[in-house]
Amino acid sequence: MATMQKLDTVFKALADPTRRAILARLVEGEATVDQLSEPFEMSQPSISRHLKVLENAGLISTRINGTSRPRQIEVQPFNAVRDWLEQYRVIWDANYARLDDVLADLMDQEEKE
């Protein structure tokens, strides 16, 4: 999948608060569908649909452990998001540095008056 398409898929998956909550839980360690569905007032099939979206985005993976299928978080897609955001951080930092210079000049002019 192309990089921008992958980012689109990741951002769409992250747009849902339930999926973000699932990811927050998985940061603590792997969990089964039953464990992941506990804090939510929704059916297990609904949770499974959310898990499918997260898995399609590459944000989680499933490990087979006998009859259990625990999910775990995957780091790589988050690294891709971080790298994409980093290019904008460089621009924002440069803009803030220019703004700091303008404000410093205004302060100097004000002190001289």
C-alpha atoms as a PDB file:
ATOM      1  CA  MET A   1       0.000   0.000   0.000  1.00  0.00           C
ATOM      2  CA  ALA A   2       1.360   3.423  -0.909  1.00  0.00           C
ATOM      3  CA  THR A   3       2.497   5.593   1.974  1.00  0.00           C
ATOM      4  CA  MET A   4      -0.280   8.194   1.688  1.00  0.00           C
ATOM      5  CA  GLN A   5      -2.955   5.506   1.329  1.00  0.00           C
ATOM      6  CA  LYS A   6      -1.553   3.787   4.413  1.00  0.00           C
ATOM      7  CA  LEU A   7      -1.647   7.049   6.359  1.00  0.00           C
ATOM      8  CA  ASP A   8      -5.246   7.621   5.234  1.00  0.00           C
ATOM      9  CA  THR A   9      -6.187   4.164   6.505  1.00  0.00           C
ATOM     10  CA  VAL A  10      -4.425   4.748   9.827  1.00  0.00           C
ATOM     11  CA  PHE A  11      -6.022   8.165  10.361  1.00  0.00           C
ATOM     12  CA  LYS A  12      -9.475   6.796   9.517  1.00  0.00           C
ATOM     13  CA  ALA A  13      -8.965   4.017  12.059  1.00  0.00           C
ATOM     14  CA  LEU A  14      -7.800   6.508  14.687  1.00  0.00           C
ATOM     15  CA  ALA A  15     -10.778   8.812  14.046  1.00  0.00           C
ATOM     16  CA  ASP A  16     -13.092   6.626  16.134  1.00  0.00           C
ATOM     17  CA  PRO A  17     -12.989   7.073  19.949  1.00  0.00           C
ATOM     18  CA  THR A  18     -13.772   3.391  20.582  1.00  0.00           C
ATOM     19  CA  ARG A  19     -10.818   2.315  18.482  1.00  0.00           C
ATOM     20  CA  ARG A  20      -8.561   4.810  20.253  1.00  0.00           C
ATOM     21  CA  ALA A  21      -9.732   3.388  23.590  1.00  0.00           C
ATOM     22  CA  ILE A  22      -8.979  -0.139  22.369  1.00  0.00           C
ATOM     23  CA  LEU A  23      -5.486   0.959  21.368  1.00  0.00           C
ATOM     24  CA  ALA A  24      -4.992   2.610  24.758  1.00  0.00           C
ATOM     25  CA  ARG A  25      -5.892  -0.685  26.407  1.00  0.00           C
ATOM     26  CA  LEU A  26      -3.528  -2.624  24.134  1.00  0.00           C
ATOM     27  CA  VAL A  27      -0.647  -0.326  25.107  1.00  0.00           C
ATOM     28  CA  GLU A  28      -0.869  -2.056  28.505  1.00  0.00           C
ATOM     29  CA  GLY A  29      -0.469  -5.474  26.877  1.00  0.00           C
ATOM     30  CA  GLU A  30      -2.207  -7.928  24.598  1.00  0.00           C
ATOM     31  CA  ALA A  31      -5.861  -8.771  25.195  1.00  0.00           C
ATOM     32  CA  THR A  32      -8.602 -10.996  23.837  1.00  0.00           C
ATOM     33  CA  VAL A  33     -11.854  -9.755  22.305  1.00  0.00           C
ATOM     34  CA  ASP A  34     -13.650 -10.547  25.579  1.00  0.00           C
ATOM     35  CA  GLN A  35     -11.140  -8.488  27.561  1.00  0.00           C
ATOM     36  CA  LEU A  36     -11.311  -5.632  25.085  1.00  0.00           C
ATOM     37  CA  SER A  37     -15.107  -5.553  25.058  1.00  0.00           C
ATOM     38  CA  GLU A  38     -15.457  -5.368  28.882  1.00  0.00           C
ATOM     39  CA  PRO A  39     -15.423  -1.562  29.287  1.00  0.00           C
ATOM     40  CA  PHE A  40     -17.797  -0.947  26.384  1.00  0.00           C
ATOM     41  CA  GLU A  41     -21.553  -1.191  26.226  1.00  0.00           C
ATOM     42  CA  MET A  42     -21.569  -2.866  22.828  1.00  0.00           C
ATOM     43  CA  SER A  43     -21.747  -6.379  21.530  1.00  0.00           C
ATOM     44  CA  GLN A  44     -18.728  -8.555  20.902  1.00  0.00           C
ATOM     45  CA  PRO A  45     -19.413  -8.503  17.130  1.00  0.00           C
ATOM     46  CA  SER A  46     -19.291  -4.684  17.239  1.00  0.00           C
ATOM     47  CA  ILE A  47     -15.949  -4.792  19.030  1.00  0.00           C
ATOM     48  CA  SER A  48     -14.760  -7.351  16.480  1.00  0.00           C
ATOM     49  CA  ARG A  49     -15.633  -4.940  13.664  1.00  0.00           C
ATOM     50  CA  HIS A  50     -13.553  -2.239  15.342  1.00  0.00           C
ATOM     51  CA  LEU A  51     -10.692  -4.709  15.720  1.00  0.00           C
ATOM     52  CA  LYS A  52     -10.913  -5.557  12.026  1.00  0.00           C
ATOM     53  CA  VAL A  53     -10.552  -1.869  11.118  1.00  0.00           C
ATOM     54  CA  LEU A  54      -7.527  -1.561  13.415  1.00  0.00           C
ATOM     55  CA  GLU A  55      -6.009  -4.720  11.977  1.00  0.00           C
ATOM     56  CA  ASN A  56      -6.592  -3.585   8.375  1.00  0.00           C
ATOM     57  CA  ALA A  57      -4.769  -0.362   9.243  1.00  0.00           C
ATOM     58  CA  GLY A  58      -1.873  -2.400  10.628  1.00  0.00           C
ATOM     59  CA  LEU A  59      -2.317  -0.887  14.093  1.00  0.00           C
ATOM     60  CA  ILE A  60      -2.895  -4.251  15.755  1.00  0.00           C
ATOM     61  CA  SER A  61      -2.161  -7.879  15.020  1.00  0.00           C
ATOM     62  CA  THR A  62      -3.632 -11.163  16.216  1.00  0.00           C
ATOM     63  CA  ARG A  63      -1.602 -13.909  17.802  1.00  0.00           C
ATOM     64  CA  ILE A  64      -2.959 -17.460  17.820  1.00  0.00           C
ATOM     65  CA  ASN A  65      -2.609 -19.068  21.244  1.00  0.00           C
ATOM     66  CA  GLY A  66      -4.545 -22.338  21.194  1.00  0.00           C
ATOM     67  CA  THR A  67      -8.193 -21.337  21.023  1.00  0.00           C
ATOM     68  CA  SER A  68      -7.426 -17.804  22.145  1.00  0.00           C
ATOM     69  CA  ARG A  69      -6.692 -14.962  19.707  1.00  0.00           C
ATOM     70  CA  PRO A  70      -5.115 -12.129  21.712  1.00  0.00           C
ATOM     71  CA  ARG A  71      -4.578  -8.823  19.960  1.00  0.00           C
ATOM     72  CA  GLN A  72      -1.461  -6.717  20.336  1.00  0.00           C
ATOM     73  CA  ILE A  73      -0.533  -3.233  19.257  1.00  0.00           C
ATOM     74  CA  GLU A  74       1.867  -2.718  16.342  1.00  0.00           C
ATOM     75  CA  VAL A  75       4.330   0.160  16.434  1.00  0.00           C
ATOM     76  CA  GLN A  76       5.264   0.630  12.763  1.00  0.00           C
ATOM     77  CA  PRO A  77       2.120   2.534  11.668  1.00  0.00           C
ATOM     78  CA  PHE A  78       2.579   4.946  14.567  1.00  0.00           C
ATOM     79  CA  ASN A  79       6.167   5.508  13.449  1.00  0.00           C
ATOM     80  CA  ALA A  80       4.889   6.336   9.952  1.00  0.00           C
ATOM     81  CA  VAL A  81       2.442   8.881  11.411  1.00  0.00           C
ATOM     82  CA  ARG A  82       5.220  10.377  13.557  1.00  0.00           C
ATOM     83  CA  ASP A  83       7.507  10.674  10.520  1.00  0.00           C
ATOM     84  CA  TRP A  84       4.756  12.324   8.486  1.00  0.00           C
ATOM     85  CA  LEU A  85       4.010  14.804  11.279  1.00  0.00           C
ATOM     86  CA  GLU A  86       7.711  15.513  11.784  1.00  0.00           C
ATOM     87  CA  GLN A  87       7.978  17.227   8.405  1.00  0.00           C
ATOM     88  CA  TYR A  88       5.299  19.672   9.532  1.00  0.00           C
ATOM     89  CA  ARG A  89       6.886  20.166  12.943  1.00  0.00           C
ATOM     90  CA  VAL A  90      10.012  21.472  11.193  1.00  0.00           C
ATOM     91  CA  ILE A  91       7.873  24.024   9.323  1.00  0.00           C
ATOM     92  CA  TRP A  92       5.991  25.016  12.491  1.00  0.00           C
ATOM     93  CA  ASP A  93       9.230  25.421  14.439  1.00  0.00           C
ATOM     94  CA  ALA A  94      10.603  27.707  11.717  1.00  0.00           C
ATOM     95  CA  ASN A  95       7.389  29.750  11.754  1.00  0.00           C
ATOM     96  CA  TYR A  96       7.498  30.076  15.547  1.00  0.00           C
ATOM     97  CA  ALA A  97      11.158  31.120  15.384  1.00  0.00           C
ATOM     98  CA  ARG A  98      10.250  33.877  12.904  1.00  0.00           C
ATOM     99  CA  LEU A  99       7.367  34.946  15.153  1.00  0.00           C
ATOM    100  CA  ASP A 100       9.742  35.070  18.130  1.00  0.00           C
ATOM    101  CA  ASP A 101      12.040  37.341  16.108  1.00  0.00           C
ATOM    102  CA  VAL A 102       9.152  39.660  15.190  1.00  0.00           C
ATOM    103  CA  LEU A 103       7.977  39.826  18.801  1.00  0.00           C
ATOM    104  CA  ALA A 104      11.517  40.520  20.023  1.00  0.00           C
ATOM    105  CA  ASP A 105      11.827  43.352  17.495  1.00  0.00           C
ATOM    106  CA  LEU A 106       8.501  44.818  18.660  1.00  0.00           C
ATOM    107  CA  MET A 107       9.611  44.612  22.282  1.00  0.00           C
ATOM    108  CA  ASP A 108      12.892  46.378  21.402  1.00  0.00           C
ATOM    109  CA  GLN A 109      11.005  49.149  19.556  1.00  0.00           C
ATOM    110  CA  GLU A 110       8.625  49.562  22.497  1.00  0.00           C
ATOM    111  CA  GLU A 111      11.509  49.845  24.967  1.00  0.00           C
ATOM    112  CA  LYS A 112      13.205  52.492  22.810  1.00  0.00           C
ATOM    113  CA  GLU A 113      10.088  54.684  22.785  1.00  0.00           C
END
